[in-house]
């Protein structure tokens, strides 16, 4: 399948993830969450790897603007409805996935 990086063009951490793989000559697919989003299957795979509760950026402005800090919500459904709520970057390689900047995990993947 290969590496997929979900993020936004404005996200500096997503850019760092892309640079990590580019500098090592590892091909990847970049998906802009502002344009395309993430499919239910892709999100289910990420949630299985990291846990559904870790998906949403609860410190982000979008989370606060939507008032989710005062509501009960399903993180998977919230992320499907608004992919910009996800912690970024979401980097996945098949069934493996991490959220945020995780060069140690990525280095392990490319060693395999």
PDB file of N, CA and C in Angstrom:
ATOM      1  N   UNK A   1       0.831  -1.193   0.000  1.00  0.00           N
ATOM      2  CA  UNK A   1       0.000   0.000   0.000  1.00  0.00           C
ATOM      3  C   UNK A   1       0.868   1.246   0.000  1.00  0.00           C
ATOM      4  N   UNK A   2       1.813   1.348   0.916  1.00  0.00           N
ATOM      5  CA  UNK A   2       2.669   2.511   0.976  1.00  0.00           C
ATOM      6  C   UNK A   2       2.234   3.496   2.044  1.00  0.00           C
ATOM      7  N   UNK A   3       3.071   4.470   2.237  1.00  0.00           N
ATOM      8  CA  UNK A   3       2.853   5.485   3.262  1.00  0.00           C
ATOM      9  C   UNK A   3       1.810   6.494   2.786  1.00  0.00           C
ATOM     10  N   UNK A   4       0.879   6.817   3.666  1.00  0.00           N
ATOM     11  CA  UNK A   4      -0.097   7.880   3.423  1.00  0.00           C
ATOM     12  C   UNK A   4       0.068   8.918   4.525  1.00  0.00           C
ATOM     13  N   UNK A   5       0.082  10.190   4.129  1.00  0.00           N
ATOM     14  CA  UNK A   5       0.171  11.275   5.094  1.00  0.00           C
ATOM     15  C   UNK A   5      -1.066  12.157   4.923  1.00  0.00           C
ATOM     16  N   UNK A   6      -1.901  12.171   5.958  1.00  0.00           N
ATOM     17  CA  UNK A   6      -3.101  13.000   5.970  1.00  0.00           C
ATOM     18  C   UNK A   6      -2.795  14.243   6.787  1.00  0.00           C
ATOM     19  N   UNK A   7      -3.060  15.403   6.210  1.00  0.00           N
ATOM     20  CA  UNK A   7      -2.823  16.659   6.910  1.00  0.00           C
ATOM     21  C   UNK A   7      -3.360  17.796   6.069  1.00  0.00           C
ATOM     22  N   UNK A   8      -2.862  18.987   6.314  1.00  0.00           N
ATOM     23  CA  UNK A   8      -3.267  20.130   5.506  1.00  0.00           C
ATOM     24  C   UNK A   8      -2.015  20.844   5.007  1.00  0.00           C
ATOM     25  N   UNK A   9      -2.190  21.598   3.960  1.00  0.00           N
ATOM     26  CA  UNK A   9      -1.052  22.333   3.393  1.00  0.00           C
ATOM     27  C   UNK A   9      -0.482  23.358   4.368  1.00  0.00           C
ATOM     28  N   UNK A  10      -1.331  23.878   5.249  1.00  0.00           N
ATOM     29  CA  UNK A  10      -0.893  24.905   6.198  1.00  0.00           C
ATOM     30  C   UNK A  10      -0.198  24.319   7.434  1.00  0.00           C
ATOM     31  N   UNK A  11      -0.347  23.036   7.672  1.00  0.00           N
ATOM     32  CA  UNK A  11       0.171  22.411   8.888  1.00  0.00           C
ATOM     33  C   UNK A  11       1.686  22.195   8.788  1.00  0.00           C
ATOM     34  N   UNK A  12       2.427  22.859   9.656  1.00  0.00           N
ATOM     35  CA  UNK A  12       3.884  22.749   9.654  1.00  0.00           C
ATOM     36  C   UNK A  12       4.353  21.343  10.034  1.00  0.00           C
ATOM     37  N   UNK A  13       3.635  20.684  10.924  1.00  0.00           N
ATOM     38  CA  UNK A  13       4.032  19.340  11.337  1.00  0.00           C
ATOM     39  C   UNK A  13       3.816  18.351  10.192  1.00  0.00           C
ATOM     40  N   UNK A  14       2.766  18.554   9.419  1.00  0.00           N
ATOM     41  CA  UNK A  14       2.543  17.711   8.240  1.00  0.00           C
ATOM     42  C   UNK A  14       3.685  17.906   7.250  1.00  0.00           C
ATOM     43  N   UNK A  15       4.110  19.131   7.068  1.00  0.00           N
ATOM     44  CA  UNK A  15       5.237  19.405   6.164  1.00  0.00           C
ATOM     45  C   UNK A  15       6.508  18.720   6.648  1.00  0.00           C
ATOM     46  N   UNK A  16       6.716  18.691   7.965  1.00  0.00           N
ATOM     47  CA  UNK A  16       7.884  18.010   8.519  1.00  0.00           C
ATOM     48  C   UNK A  16       7.816  16.507   8.252  1.00  0.00           C
ATOM     49  N   UNK A  17       6.626  15.928   8.353  1.00  0.00           N
ATOM     50  CA  UNK A  17       6.465  14.501   8.073  1.00  0.00           C
ATOM     51  C   UNK A  17       6.792  14.211   6.605  1.00  0.00           C
ATOM     52  N   UNK A  18       6.272  15.038   5.705  1.00  0.00           N
ATOM     53  CA  UNK A  18       6.553  14.849   4.285  1.00  0.00           C
ATOM     54  C   UNK A  18       8.053  14.970   4.010  1.00  0.00           C
ATOM     55  N   UNK A  19       8.691  15.937   4.643  1.00  0.00           N
ATOM     56  CA  UNK A  19      10.133  16.134   4.463  1.00  0.00           C
ATOM     57  C   UNK A  19      10.909  14.910   4.961  1.00  0.00           C
ATOM     58  N   UNK A  20      10.481  14.330   6.088  1.00  0.00           N
ATOM     59  CA  UNK A  20      11.134  13.143   6.640  1.00  0.00           C
ATOM     60  C   UNK A  20      11.207  12.040   5.590  1.00  0.00           C
ATOM     61  N   UNK A  21      10.073  11.735   4.970  1.00  0.00           N
ATOM     62  CA  UNK A  21      10.038  10.654   3.980  1.00  0.00           C
ATOM     63  C   UNK A  21      10.738  11.047   2.682  1.00  0.00           C
ATOM     64  N   UNK A  22      10.573  12.285   2.271  1.00  0.00           N
ATOM     65  CA  UNK A  22      11.215  12.761   1.038  1.00  0.00           C
ATOM     66  C   UNK A  22      12.736  12.664   1.151  1.00  0.00           C
ATOM     67  N   UNK A  23      13.287  13.090   2.295  1.00  0.00           N
ATOM     68  CA  UNK A  23      14.738  13.066   2.496  1.00  0.00           C
ATOM     69  C   UNK A  23      15.300  11.646   2.497  1.00  0.00           C
ATOM     70  N   UNK A  24      14.476  10.662   2.798  1.00  0.00           N
ATOM     71  CA  UNK A  24      14.921   9.273   2.840  1.00  0.00           C
ATOM     72  C   UNK A  24      14.548   8.511   1.567  1.00  0.00           C
ATOM     73  N   UNK A  25      13.988   9.236   0.607  1.00  0.00           N
ATOM     74  CA  UNK A  25      13.629   8.616  -0.665  1.00  0.00           C
ATOM     75  C   UNK A  25      12.482   7.632  -0.576  1.00  0.00           C
ATOM     76  N   UNK A  26      11.627   7.800   0.429  1.00  0.00           N
ATOM     77  CA  UNK A  26      10.492   6.896   0.620  1.00  0.00           C
ATOM     78  C   UNK A  26       9.263   7.525  -0.024  1.00  0.00           C
ATOM     79  N   UNK A  27       8.681   6.837  -1.012  1.00  0.00           N
ATOM     80  CA  UNK A  27       7.490   7.396  -1.650  1.00  0.00           C
ATOM     81  C   UNK A  27       6.301   7.432  -0.677  1.00  0.00           C
ATOM     82  N   UNK A  28       5.474   8.445  -0.820  1.00  0.00           N
ATOM     83  CA  UNK A  28       4.295   8.566   0.027  1.00  0.00           C
ATOM     84  C   UNK A  28       3.192   9.266  -0.755  1.00  0.00           C
ATOM     85  N   UNK A  29       1.985   9.079  -0.277  1.00  0.00           N
ATOM     86  CA  UNK A  29       0.822   9.764  -0.838  1.00  0.00           C
ATOM     87  C   UNK A  29       0.392  10.810   0.178  1.00  0.00           C
ATOM     88  N   UNK A  30       0.269  12.042  -0.266  1.00  0.00           N
ATOM     89  CA  UNK A  30      -0.147  13.129   0.612  1.00  0.00           C
ATOM     90  C   UNK A  30      -1.621  13.438   0.353  1.00  0.00           C
ATOM     91  N   UNK A  31      -2.420  13.444   1.410  1.00  0.00           N
ATOM     92  CA  UNK A  31      -3.850  13.729   1.292  1.00  0.00           C
ATOM     93  C   UNK A  31      -4.166  14.975   2.116  1.00  0.00           C
ATOM     94  N   UNK A  32      -4.690  15.988   1.445  1.00  0.00           N
ATOM     95  CA  UNK A  32      -5.070  17.232   2.120  1.00  0.00           C
ATOM     96  C   UNK A  32      -6.474  17.065   2.700  1.00  0.00           C
ATOM     97  N   UNK A  33      -6.563  17.049   4.020  1.00  0.00           N
ATOM     98  CA  UNK A  33      -7.848  16.853   4.685  1.00  0.00           C
ATOM     99  C   UNK A  33      -8.836  17.972   4.386  1.00  0.00           C
ATOM    100  N   UNK A  34      -8.345  19.144   4.038  1.00  0.00           N
ATOM    101  CA  UNK A  34      -9.237  20.257   3.700  1.00  0.00           C
ATOM    102  C   UNK A  34      -9.919  20.036   2.361  1.00  0.00           C
ATOM    103  N   UNK A  35      -9.318  19.213   1.510  1.00  0.00           N
ATOM    104  CA  UNK A  35      -9.879  18.964   0.182  1.00  0.00           C
ATOM    105  C   UNK A  35     -10.602  17.634   0.074  1.00  0.00           C
ATOM    106  N   UNK A  36      -9.995  16.570   0.596  1.00  0.00           N
ATOM    107  CA  UNK A  36     -10.520  15.229   0.357  1.00  0.00           C
ATOM    108  C   UNK A  36     -11.081  14.558   1.590  1.00  0.00           C
ATOM    109  N   UNK A  37     -10.468  14.733   2.718  1.00  0.00           N
ATOM    110  CA  UNK A  37     -10.922  14.037   3.914  1.00  0.00           C
ATOM    111  C   UNK A  37     -10.328  12.649   4.000  1.00  0.00           C
ATOM    112  N   UNK A  38     -10.915  11.827   4.837  1.00  0.00           N
ATOM    113  CA  UNK A  38     -10.437  10.471   5.070  1.00  0.00           C
ATOM    114  C   UNK A  38     -11.625   9.537   5.000  1.00  0.00           C
ATOM    115  N   UNK A  39     -11.450   8.390   4.387  1.00  0.00           N
ATOM    116  CA  UNK A  39     -12.571   7.458   4.235  1.00  0.00           C
ATOM    117  C   UNK A  39     -12.845   6.745   5.554  1.00  0.00           C
ATOM    118  N   UNK A  40     -14.020   6.168   5.669  1.00  0.00           N
ATOM    119  CA  UNK A  40     -14.396   5.434   6.878  1.00  0.00           C
ATOM    120  C   UNK A  40     -13.426   4.276   7.114  1.00  0.00           C
ATOM    121  N   UNK A  41     -13.054   3.567   6.050  1.00  0.00           N
ATOM    122  CA  UNK A  41     -12.133   2.440   6.187  1.00  0.00           C
ATOM    123  C   UNK A  41     -10.748   2.870   6.640  1.00  0.00           C
ATOM    124  N   UNK A  42     -10.239   3.951   6.051  1.00  0.00           N
ATOM    125  CA  UNK A  42      -8.933   4.470   6.455  1.00  0.00           C
ATOM    126  C   UNK A  42      -8.964   4.913   7.912  1.00  0.00           C
ATOM    127  N   UNK A  43     -10.026   5.606   8.291  1.00  0.00           N
ATOM    128  CA  UNK A  43     -10.144   6.088   9.659  1.00  0.00           C
ATOM    129  C   UNK A  43     -10.272   4.929  10.642  1.00  0.00           C
ATOM    130  N   UNK A  44     -10.998   3.888  10.259  1.00  0.00           N
ATOM    131  CA  UNK A  44     -11.134   2.709  11.125  1.00  0.00           C
ATOM    132  C   UNK A  44      -9.773   2.055  11.347  1.00  0.00           C
ATOM    133  N   UNK A  45      -8.963   1.997  10.298  1.00  0.00           N
ATOM    134  CA  UNK A  45      -7.621   1.434  10.410  1.00  0.00           C
ATOM    135  C   UNK A  45      -6.752   2.266  11.350  1.00  0.00           C
ATOM    136  N   UNK A  46      -6.827   3.575  11.227  1.00  0.00           N
ATOM    137  CA  UNK A  46      -6.062   4.465  12.099  1.00  0.00           C
ATOM    138  C   UNK A  46      -6.548   4.327  13.542  1.00  0.00           C
ATOM    139  N   UNK A  47      -7.858   4.311  13.736  1.00  0.00           N
ATOM    140  CA  UNK A  47      -8.429   4.187  15.082  1.00  0.00           C
ATOM    141  C   UNK A  47      -8.017   2.870  15.732  1.00  0.00           C
ATOM    142  N   UNK A  48      -7.952   1.796  14.942  1.00  0.00           N
ATOM    143  CA  UNK A  48      -7.521   0.505  15.480  1.00  0.00           C
ATOM    144  C   UNK A  48      -6.066   0.556  15.936  1.00  0.00           C
ATOM    145  N   UNK A  49      -5.250   1.333  15.246  1.00  0.00           N
ATOM    146  CA  UNK A  49      -3.825   1.432  15.581  1.00  0.00           C
ATOM    147  C   UNK A  49      -3.546   2.353  16.759  1.00  0.00           C
ATOM    148  N   UNK A  50      -4.260   3.469  16.846  1.00  0.00           N
ATOM    149  CA  UNK A  50      -3.939   4.469  17.874  1.00  0.00           C
ATOM    150  C   UNK A  50      -5.003   4.615  18.953  1.00  0.00           C
ATOM    151  N   UNK A  51      -6.177   4.068  18.736  1.00  0.00           N
ATOM    152  CA  UNK A  51      -7.293   4.237  19.662  1.00  0.00           C
ATOM    153  C   UNK A  51      -8.172   5.395  19.236  1.00  0.00           C
ATOM    154  N   UNK A  52      -9.465   5.191  19.246  1.00  0.00           N
ATOM    155  CA  UNK A  52     -10.404   6.217  18.779  1.00  0.00           C
ATOM    156  C   UNK A  52     -10.304   7.506  19.583  1.00  0.00           C
ATOM    157  N   UNK A  53     -10.038   7.389  20.877  1.00  0.00           N
ATOM    158  CA  UNK A  53      -9.986   8.585  21.722  1.00  0.00           C
ATOM    159  C   UNK A  53      -8.814   9.502  21.383  1.00  0.00           C
ATOM    160  N   UNK A  54      -7.803   8.982  20.703  1.00  0.00           N
ATOM    161  CA  UNK A  54      -6.621   9.788  20.364  1.00  0.00           C
ATOM    162  C   UNK A  54      -6.788  10.546  19.050  1.00  0.00           C
ATOM    163  N   UNK A  55      -7.830  10.273  18.288  1.00  0.00           N
ATOM    164  CA  UNK A  55      -7.980  10.833  16.946  1.00  0.00           C
ATOM    165  C   UNK A  55      -8.150  12.347  16.904  1.00  0.00           C
ATOM    166  N   UNK A  56      -8.903  12.880  17.823  1.00  0.00           N
ATOM    167  CA  UNK A  56      -9.305  14.285  17.766  1.00  0.00           C
ATOM    168  C   UNK A  56      -8.290  15.175  18.471  1.00  0.00           C
ATOM    169  N   UNK A  57      -7.955  16.289  17.831  1.00  0.00           N
ATOM    170  CA  UNK A  57      -7.059  17.286  18.420  1.00  0.00           C
ATOM    171  C   UNK A  57      -7.871  18.150  19.380  1.00  0.00           C
ATOM    172  N   UNK A  58      -7.908  17.723  20.634  1.00  0.00           N
ATOM    173  CA  UNK A  58      -8.724  18.422  21.632  1.00  0.00           C
ATOM    174  C   UNK A  58      -8.113  19.757  22.055  1.00  0.00           C
ATOM    175  N   UNK A  59      -6.886  20.024  21.640  1.00  0.00           N
ATOM    176  CA  UNK A  59      -6.244  21.304  21.942  1.00  0.00           C
ATOM    177  C   UNK A  59      -6.390  22.293  20.792  1.00  0.00           C
ATOM    178  N   UNK A  60      -6.919  21.831  19.672  1.00  0.00           N
ATOM    179  CA  UNK A  60      -7.005  22.665  18.481  1.00  0.00           C
ATOM    180  C   UNK A  60      -8.144  23.668  18.514  1.00  0.00           C
ATOM    181  N   UNK A  61      -7.974  24.682  17.711  1.00  0.00           N
ATOM    182  CA  UNK A  61      -8.968  25.753  17.630  1.00  0.00           C
ATOM    183  C   UNK A  61     -10.311  25.246  17.098  1.00  0.00           C
ATOM    184  N   UNK A  62     -10.262  24.364  16.101  1.00  0.00           N
ATOM    185  CA  UNK A  62     -11.500  23.864  15.494  1.00  0.00           C
ATOM    186  C   UNK A  62     -12.349  23.118  16.523  1.00  0.00           C
ATOM    187  N   UNK A  63     -11.703  22.337  17.371  1.00  0.00           N
ATOM    188  CA  UNK A  63     -12.394  21.595  18.430  1.00  0.00           C
ATOM    189  C   UNK A  63     -13.134  22.563  19.349  1.00  0.00           C
ATOM    190  N   UNK A  64     -12.441  23.614  19.739  1.00  0.00           N
ATOM    191  CA  UNK A  64     -13.045  24.607  20.647  1.00  0.00           C
ATOM    192  C   UNK A  64     -14.144  25.411  19.946  1.00  0.00           C
ATOM    193  N   UNK A  65     -13.891  25.789  18.688  1.00  0.00           N
ATOM    194  CA  UNK A  65     -14.891  26.553  17.930  1.00  0.00           C
ATOM    195  C   UNK A  65     -16.187  25.769  17.752  1.00  0.00           C
ATOM    196  N   UNK A  66     -16.080  24.468  17.625  1.00  0.00           N
ATOM    197  CA  UNK A  66     -17.280  23.636  17.449  1.00  0.00           C
ATOM    198  C   UNK A  66     -17.946  23.314  18.784  1.00  0.00           C
ATOM    199  N   UNK A  67     -17.335  23.708  19.878  1.00  0.00           N
ATOM    200  CA  UNK A  67     -17.922  23.486  21.198  1.00  0.00           C
ATOM    201  C   UNK A  67     -17.883  22.042  21.653  1.00  0.00           C
ATOM    202  N   UNK A  68     -16.987  21.259  21.077  1.00  0.00           N
ATOM    203  CA  UNK A  68     -16.953  19.842  21.425  1.00  0.00           C
ATOM    204  C   UNK A  68     -16.408  19.581  22.821  1.00  0.00           C
ATOM    205  N   UNK A  69     -15.707  20.546  23.387  1.00  0.00           N
ATOM    206  CA  UNK A  69     -15.198  20.345  24.742  1.00  0.00           C
ATOM    207  C   UNK A  69     -16.331  20.315  25.764  1.00  0.00           C
ATOM    208  N   UNK A  70     -17.524  20.717  25.360  1.00  0.00           N
ATOM    209  CA  UNK A  70     -18.691  20.723  26.253  1.00  0.00           C
ATOM    210  C   UNK A  70     -19.733  19.690  25.859  1.00  0.00           C
ATOM    211  N   UNK A  71     -19.410  18.845  24.889  1.00  0.00           N
ATOM    212  CA  UNK A  71     -20.385  17.874  24.399  1.00  0.00           C
ATOM    213  C   UNK A  71     -19.816  16.467  24.464  1.00  0.00           C
ATOM    214  N   UNK A  72     -20.710  15.502  24.477  1.00  0.00           N
ATOM    215  CA  UNK A  72     -20.289  14.117  24.273  1.00  0.00           C
ATOM    216  C   UNK A  72     -20.319  13.886  22.776  1.00  0.00           C
ATOM    217  N   UNK A  73     -19.320  13.194  22.273  1.00  0.00           N
ATOM    218  CA  UNK A  73     -19.251  12.944  20.842  1.00  0.00           C
ATOM    219  C   UNK A  73     -18.503  11.639  20.593  1.00  0.00           C
ATOM    220  N   UNK A  74     -18.776  11.047  19.447  1.00  0.00           N
ATOM    221  CA  UNK A  74     -18.058   9.866  18.990  1.00  0.00           C
ATOM    222  C   UNK A  74     -16.889  10.374  18.155  1.00  0.00           C
ATOM    223  N   UNK A  75     -15.645  10.110  18.563  1.00  0.00           N
ATOM    224  CA  UNK A  75     -14.504  10.659  17.836  1.00  0.00           C
ATOM    225  C   UNK A  75     -14.442  10.224  16.372  1.00  0.00           C
ATOM    226  N   UNK A  76     -14.830   9.009  16.089  1.00  0.00           N
ATOM    227  CA  UNK A  76     -14.794   8.535  14.697  1.00  0.00           C
ATOM    228  C   UNK A  76     -15.821   9.289  13.858  1.00  0.00           C
ATOM    229  N   UNK A  77     -17.023   9.396  14.360  1.00  0.00           N
ATOM    230  CA  UNK A  77     -18.068  10.098  13.607  1.00  0.00           C
ATOM    231  C   UNK A  77     -17.745  11.591  13.478  1.00  0.00           C
ATOM    232  N   UNK A  78     -17.188  12.183  14.534  1.00  0.00           N
ATOM    233  CA  UNK A  78     -16.814  13.596  14.476  1.00  0.00           C
ATOM    234  C   UNK A  78     -15.735  13.820  13.415  1.00  0.00           C
ATOM    235  N   UNK A  79     -14.752  12.920  13.350  1.00  0.00           N
ATOM    236  CA  UNK A  79     -13.668  13.049  12.365  1.00  0.00           C
ATOM    237  C   UNK A  79     -14.168  12.815  10.944  1.00  0.00           C
ATOM    238  N   UNK A  80     -15.128  11.939  10.785  1.00  0.00           N
ATOM    239  CA  UNK A  80     -15.702  11.722   9.447  1.00  0.00           C
ATOM    240  C   UNK A  80     -16.505  12.936   9.001  1.00  0.00           C
ATOM    241  N   UNK A  81     -17.226  13.540   9.937  1.00  0.00           N
ATOM    242  CA  UNK A  81     -18.031  14.717   9.609  1.00  0.00           C
ATOM    243  C   UNK A  81     -17.153  15.942   9.365  1.00  0.00           C
ATOM    244  N   UNK A  82     -16.043  16.038  10.091  1.00  0.00           N
ATOM    245  CA  UNK A  82     -15.140  17.185   9.954  1.00  0.00           C
ATOM    246  C   UNK A  82     -13.697  16.693  10.112  1.00  0.00           C
ATOM    247  N   UNK A  83     -13.065  16.286   9.006  1.00  0.00           N
ATOM    248  CA  UNK A  83     -11.710  15.724   9.082  1.00  0.00           C
ATOM    249  C   UNK A  83     -10.665  16.688   9.638  1.00  0.00           C
ATOM    250  N   UNK A  84     -10.971  17.978   9.653  1.00  0.00           N
ATOM    251  CA  UNK A  84     -10.014  18.948  10.179  1.00  0.00           C
ATOM    252  C   UNK A  84      -9.927  18.902  11.708  1.00  0.00           C
ATOM    253  N   UNK A  85     -10.745  18.068  12.338  1.00  0.00           N
ATOM    254  CA  UNK A  85     -10.656  17.860  13.783  1.00  0.00           C
ATOM    255  C   UNK A  85      -9.541  16.880  14.153  1.00  0.00           C
ATOM    256  N   UNK A  86      -9.049  16.129  13.178  1.00  0.00           N
ATOM    257  CA  UNK A  86      -8.022  15.122  13.442  1.00  0.00           C
ATOM    258  C   UNK A  86      -6.708  15.751  13.879  1.00  0.00           C
ATOM    259  N   UNK A  87      -5.987  15.031  14.757  1.00  0.00           N
ATOM    260  CA  UNK A  87      -4.608  15.405  15.064  1.00  0.00           C
ATOM    261  C   UNK A  87      -3.810  15.144  13.795  1.00  0.00           C
ATOM    262  N   UNK A  88      -2.984  16.076  13.417  1.00  0.00           N
ATOM    263  CA  UNK A  88      -2.217  15.895  12.196  1.00  0.00           C
ATOM    264  C   UNK A  88      -0.722  15.988  12.481  1.00  0.00           C
ATOM    265  N   UNK A  89       0.060  15.364  11.641  1.00  0.00           N
ATOM    266  CA  UNK A  89      -0.371  14.533  10.530  1.00  0.00           C
ATOM    267  C   UNK A  89      -0.813  13.157  11.015  1.00  0.00           C
ATOM    268  N   UNK A  90      -1.685  12.554  10.237  1.00  0.00           N
ATOM    269  CA  UNK A  90      -2.024  11.148  10.402  1.00  0.00           C
ATOM    270  C   UNK A  90      -1.153  10.429   9.379  1.00  0.00           C
ATOM    271  N   UNK A  91      -0.232   9.624   9.857  1.00  0.00           N
ATOM    272  CA  UNK A  91       0.664   8.896   8.958  1.00  0.00           C
ATOM    273  C   UNK A  91       0.361   7.425   9.118  1.00  0.00           C
ATOM    274  N   UNK A  92       0.041   6.770   7.988  1.00  0.00           N
ATOM    275  CA  UNK A  92      -0.281   5.347   8.071  1.00  0.00           C
ATOM    276  C   UNK A  92       0.445   4.565   7.000  1.00  0.00           C
ATOM    277  N   UNK A  93       0.713   3.336   7.349  1.00  0.00           N
ATOM    278  CA  UNK A  93       1.343   2.378   6.450  1.00  0.00           C
ATOM    279  C   UNK A  93       0.607   1.067   6.663  1.00  0.00           C
ATOM    280  N   UNK A  94      -0.407   0.832   5.843  1.00  0.00           N
ATOM    281  CA  UNK A  94      -1.238  -0.350   6.027  1.00  0.00           C
ATOM    282  C   UNK A  94      -2.002  -0.258   7.330  1.00  0.00           C
ATOM    283  N   UNK A  95      -1.770  -1.238   8.211  1.00  0.00           N
ATOM    284  CA  UNK A  95      -2.476  -1.264   9.490  1.00  0.00           C
ATOM    285  C   UNK A  95      -1.746  -0.489  10.581  1.00  0.00           C
ATOM    286  N   UNK A  96      -0.554  -0.001  10.278  1.00  0.00           N
ATOM    287  CA  UNK A  96       0.200   0.795  11.249  1.00  0.00           C
ATOM    288  C   UNK A  96      -0.145   2.262  11.034  1.00  0.00           C
ATOM    289  N   UNK A  97      -0.237   2.997  12.133  1.00  0.00           N
ATOM    290  CA  UNK A  97      -0.542   4.431  12.031  1.00  0.00           C
ATOM    291  C   UNK A  97      -0.065   5.144  13.282  1.00  0.00           C
ATOM    292  N   UNK A  98       0.298   6.407  13.094  1.00  0.00           N
ATOM    293  CA  UNK A  98       0.640   7.286  14.218  1.00  0.00           C
ATOM    294  C   UNK A  98       0.060   8.664  13.937  1.00  0.00           C
ATOM    295  N   UNK A  99      -0.160   9.398  15.011  1.00  0.00           N
ATOM    296  CA  UNK A  99      -0.658  10.770  14.911  1.00  0.00           C
ATOM    297  C   UNK A  99       0.439  11.707  15.382  1.00  0.00           C
ATOM    298  N   UNK A 100       0.569  12.832  14.702  1.00  0.00           N
ATOM    299  CA  UNK A 100       1.571  13.810  15.095  1.00  0.00           C
ATOM    300  C   UNK A 100       2.945  13.459  14.568  1.00  0.00           C
ATOM    301  N   UNK A 101       3.943  14.193  15.034  1.00  0.00           N
ATOM    302  CA  UNK A 101       5.316  14.025  14.575  1.00  0.00           C
ATOM    303  C   UNK A 101       5.948  12.860  15.332  1.00  0.00           C
ATOM    304  N   UNK A 102       6.254  11.771  14.625  1.00  0.00           N
ATOM    305  CA  UNK A 102       6.773  10.552  15.249  1.00  0.00           C
ATOM    306  C   UNK A 102       7.885   9.933  14.406  1.00  0.00           C
ATOM    307  N   UNK A 103       9.016  10.634  14.259  1.00  0.00           N
ATOM    308  CA  UNK A 103      10.076  10.122  13.385  1.00  0.00           C
ATOM    309  C   UNK A 103      10.641   8.774  13.819  1.00  0.00           C
ATOM    310  N   UNK A 104      10.620   8.468  15.115  1.00  0.00           N
ATOM    311  CA  UNK A 104      11.132   7.176  15.574  1.00  0.00           C
ATOM    312  C   UNK A 104      10.275   6.036  15.030  1.00  0.00           C
ATOM    313  N   UNK A 105       8.970   6.199  15.070  1.00  0.00           N
ATOM    314  CA  UNK A 105       8.060   5.168  14.550  1.00  0.00           C
ATOM    315  C   UNK A 105       8.226   5.043  13.038  1.00  0.00           C
ATOM    316  N   UNK A 106       8.307   6.161  12.345  1.00  0.00           N
ATOM    317  CA  UNK A 106       8.455   6.117  10.889  1.00  0.00           C
ATOM    318  C   UNK A 106       9.758   5.441  10.497  1.00  0.00           C
ATOM    319  N   UNK A 107      10.829   5.709  11.239  1.00  0.00           N
ATOM    320  CA  UNK A 107      12.128   5.093  10.940  1.00  0.00           C
ATOM    321  C   UNK A 107      12.032   3.572  11.073  1.00  0.00           C
ATOM    322  N   UNK A 108      11.276   3.096  12.056  1.00  0.00           N
ATOM    323  CA  UNK A 108      11.076   1.643  12.213  1.00  0.00           C
ATOM    324  C   UNK A 108      10.342   1.073  11.008  1.00  0.00           C
ATOM    325  N   UNK A 109       9.346   1.787  10.527  1.00  0.00           N
ATOM    326  CA  UNK A 109       8.583   1.301   9.376  1.00  0.00           C
ATOM    327  C   UNK A 109       9.454   1.123   8.156  1.00  0.00           C
ATOM    328  N   UNK A 110      10.337   2.092   7.899  1.00  0.00           N
ATOM    329  CA  UNK A 110      11.112   2.026   6.663  1.00  0.00           C
ATOM    330  C   UNK A 110      12.283   1.047   6.785  1.00  0.00           C
ATOM    331  N   UNK A 111      12.590   0.598   8.034  1.00  0.00           N
ATOM    332  CA  UNK A 111      13.604  -0.439   8.212  1.00  0.00           C
ATOM    333  C   UNK A 111      13.063  -1.808   7.849  1.00  0.00           C
ATOM    334  N   UNK A 112      11.754  -1.992   8.036  1.00  0.00           N
ATOM    335  CA  UNK A 112      11.133  -3.319   7.823  1.00  0.00           C
ATOM    336  C   UNK A 112      11.185  -3.751   6.395  1.00  0.00           C
TER     337      UNK A 112
END
